[in-house]
Amino acid sequence: MTNARTSKPATKTALVRKLLSRKAGADLPALETATGWQPHSVRAALSGVRKADYTIDRLPPKTNGGPAIYRITGSPEKA
C-alpha cells in the first residue's frame, strides 16, 4: 500500500494562483467550478492576486462571445 499524495493547494486562493499559472491560463467559469465560488468572489480573488504583486494578463476569448482567459505572467519579486 502506498501513501500517494495529491498536490492539492492549501487554500482556494492558492488554487486560483495555480490555475492562472498554467500556460493555458483559466477563464472565470473554470475558476468558479474549481473553487465553488460565485462570480463576484472569483473576481475579488483576481483582485487579491493582483494586489499581491502578481501580473495577470487578460487574453481574448478562444471563441467569439466566449469568456476571456486570465493568466499570471509575472510574480512578485522576492527580497
C-alpha atoms as a PDB file:
ATOM      1  CA  MET A   1       0.000   0.000   0.000  1.00  0.00           C
ATOM      2  CA  THR A   2       1.395   3.390  -0.970  1.00  0.00           C
ATOM      3  CA  ASN A   3       0.610   6.738   0.524  1.00  0.00           C
ATOM      4  CA  ALA A   4       0.167   8.706  -2.676  1.00  0.00           C
ATOM      5  CA  ARG A   5      -0.463  12.357  -2.000  1.00  0.00           C
ATOM      6  CA  THR A   6      -2.043  14.677  -4.458  1.00  0.00           C
ATOM      7  CA  SER A   7      -0.588  18.145  -4.689  1.00  0.00           C
ATOM      8  CA  LYS A   8      -3.720  19.947  -3.570  1.00  0.00           C
ATOM      9  CA  PRO A   9      -3.184  23.641  -2.845  1.00  0.00           C
ATOM     10  CA  ALA A  10      -3.567  24.628   0.805  1.00  0.00           C
ATOM     11  CA  THR A  11      -6.179  27.314   0.097  1.00  0.00           C
ATOM     12  CA  LYS A  12      -8.637  28.180  -2.628  1.00  0.00           C
ATOM     13  CA  THR A  13      -6.653  31.329  -3.347  1.00  0.00           C
ATOM     14  CA  ALA A  14      -3.591  29.139  -3.904  1.00  0.00           C
ATOM     15  CA  LEU A  15      -5.718  27.013  -6.247  1.00  0.00           C
ATOM     16  CA  VAL A  16      -6.670  30.152  -8.194  1.00  0.00           C
ATOM     17  CA  ARG A  17      -2.978  31.113  -8.491  1.00  0.00           C
ATOM     18  CA  LYS A  18      -2.115  27.572  -9.619  1.00  0.00           C
ATOM     19  CA  LEU A  19      -4.798  27.586 -12.321  1.00  0.00           C
ATOM     20  CA  LEU A  20      -3.800  31.055 -13.515  1.00  0.00           C
ATOM     21  CA  SER A  21      -0.131  29.992 -13.657  1.00  0.00           C
ATOM     22  CA  ARG A  22      -0.813  27.317 -16.267  1.00  0.00           C
ATOM     23  CA  LYS A  23       0.304  28.098 -19.806  1.00  0.00           C
ATOM     24  CA  ALA A  24      -3.330  27.990 -20.948  1.00  0.00           C
ATOM     25  CA  GLY A  25      -4.478  30.160 -18.031  1.00  0.00           C
ATOM     26  CA  ALA A  26      -8.094  29.914 -16.860  1.00  0.00           C
ATOM     27  CA  ASP A  27     -11.415  31.571 -17.567  1.00  0.00           C
ATOM     28  CA  LEU A  28     -13.874  32.759 -14.927  1.00  0.00           C
ATOM     29  CA  PRO A  29     -16.258  29.775 -15.287  1.00  0.00           C
ATOM     30  CA  ALA A  30     -13.346  27.353 -14.762  1.00  0.00           C
ATOM     31  CA  LEU A  31     -12.245  29.240 -11.643  1.00  0.00           C
ATOM     32  CA  GLU A  32     -15.839  29.262 -10.345  1.00  0.00           C
ATOM     33  CA  THR A  33     -16.125  25.496 -10.832  1.00  0.00           C
ATOM     34  CA  ALA A  34     -12.735  24.743  -9.264  1.00  0.00           C
ATOM     35  CA  THR A  35     -13.345  26.852  -6.163  1.00  0.00           C
ATOM     36  CA  GLY A  36     -17.114  26.598  -5.786  1.00  0.00           C
ATOM     37  CA  TRP A  37     -17.220  30.392  -5.550  1.00  0.00           C
ATOM     38  CA  GLN A  38     -19.718  32.791  -7.075  1.00  0.00           C
ATOM     39  CA  PRO A  39     -18.569  35.072  -9.920  1.00  0.00           C
ATOM     40  CA  HIS A  40     -18.094  38.134  -7.700  1.00  0.00           C
ATOM     41  CA  SER A  41     -15.876  36.107  -5.349  1.00  0.00           C
ATOM     42  CA  VAL A  42     -13.691  34.912  -8.222  1.00  0.00           C
ATOM     43  CA  ARG A  43     -13.291  38.496  -9.453  1.00  0.00           C
ATOM     44  CA  ALA A  44     -12.344  39.570  -5.918  1.00  0.00           C
ATOM     45  CA  ALA A  45      -9.761  36.769  -5.792  1.00  0.00           C
ATOM     46  CA  LEU A  46      -8.261  38.042  -9.066  1.00  0.00           C
ATOM     47  CA  SER A  47      -8.007  41.492  -7.496  1.00  0.00           C
ATOM     48  CA  GLY A  48      -6.329  39.982  -4.444  1.00  0.00           C
ATOM     49  CA  VAL A  49      -3.801  38.146  -6.604  1.00  0.00           C
ATOM     50  CA  ARG A  50      -3.033  41.419  -8.400  1.00  0.00           C
ATOM     51  CA  LYS A  51      -2.698  43.190  -5.051  1.00  0.00           C
ATOM     52  CA  ALA A  52      -0.104  40.555  -4.066  1.00  0.00           C
ATOM     53  CA  ASP A  53       2.020  41.920  -6.968  1.00  0.00           C
ATOM     54  CA  TYR A  54       1.264  39.193  -9.499  1.00  0.00           C
ATOM     55  CA  THR A  55       0.805  40.365 -13.076  1.00  0.00           C
ATOM     56  CA  ILE A  56      -2.347  38.941 -14.655  1.00  0.00           C
ATOM     57  CA  ASP A  57      -2.962  39.279 -18.385  1.00  0.00           C
ATOM     58  CA  ARG A  58      -6.475  39.178 -19.797  1.00  0.00           C
ATOM     59  CA  LEU A  59      -6.408  37.307 -23.099  1.00  0.00           C
ATOM     60  CA  PRO A  60      -9.148  37.388 -25.727  1.00  0.00           C
ATOM     61  CA  PRO A  61     -11.746  34.603 -25.680  1.00  0.00           C
ATOM     62  CA  LYS A  62     -10.982  31.418 -27.607  1.00  0.00           C
ATOM     63  CA  THR A  63     -14.394  31.643 -29.274  1.00  0.00           C
ATOM     64  CA  ASN A  64     -16.421  34.648 -30.310  1.00  0.00           C
ATOM     65  CA  GLY A  65     -18.592  35.627 -27.352  1.00  0.00           C
ATOM     66  CA  GLY A  66     -16.810  33.221 -25.001  1.00  0.00           C
ATOM     67  CA  PRO A  67     -15.221  34.064 -21.656  1.00  0.00           C
ATOM     68  CA  ALA A  68     -11.877  35.854 -21.500  1.00  0.00           C
ATOM     69  CA  ILE A  69      -8.826  33.899 -20.389  1.00  0.00           C
ATOM     70  CA  TYR A  70      -6.700  35.118 -17.476  1.00  0.00           C
ATOM     71  CA  ARG A  71      -3.069  34.107 -16.947  1.00  0.00           C
ATOM     72  CA  ILE A  72      -0.346  35.054 -14.486  1.00  0.00           C
ATOM     73  CA  THR A  73       2.596  36.412 -16.459  1.00  0.00           C
ATOM     74  CA  GLY A  74       4.668  37.869 -13.637  1.00  0.00           C
ATOM     75  CA  SER A  75       5.198  37.017  -9.990  1.00  0.00           C
ATOM     76  CA  PRO A  76       6.249  39.257  -7.113  1.00  0.00           C
ATOM     77  CA  GLU A  77       9.929  39.915  -6.570  1.00  0.00           C
ATOM     78  CA  LYS A  78      11.305  38.090  -3.550  1.00  0.00           C
ATOM     79  CA  ALA A  79      13.528  40.200  -1.342  1.00  0.00           C
END
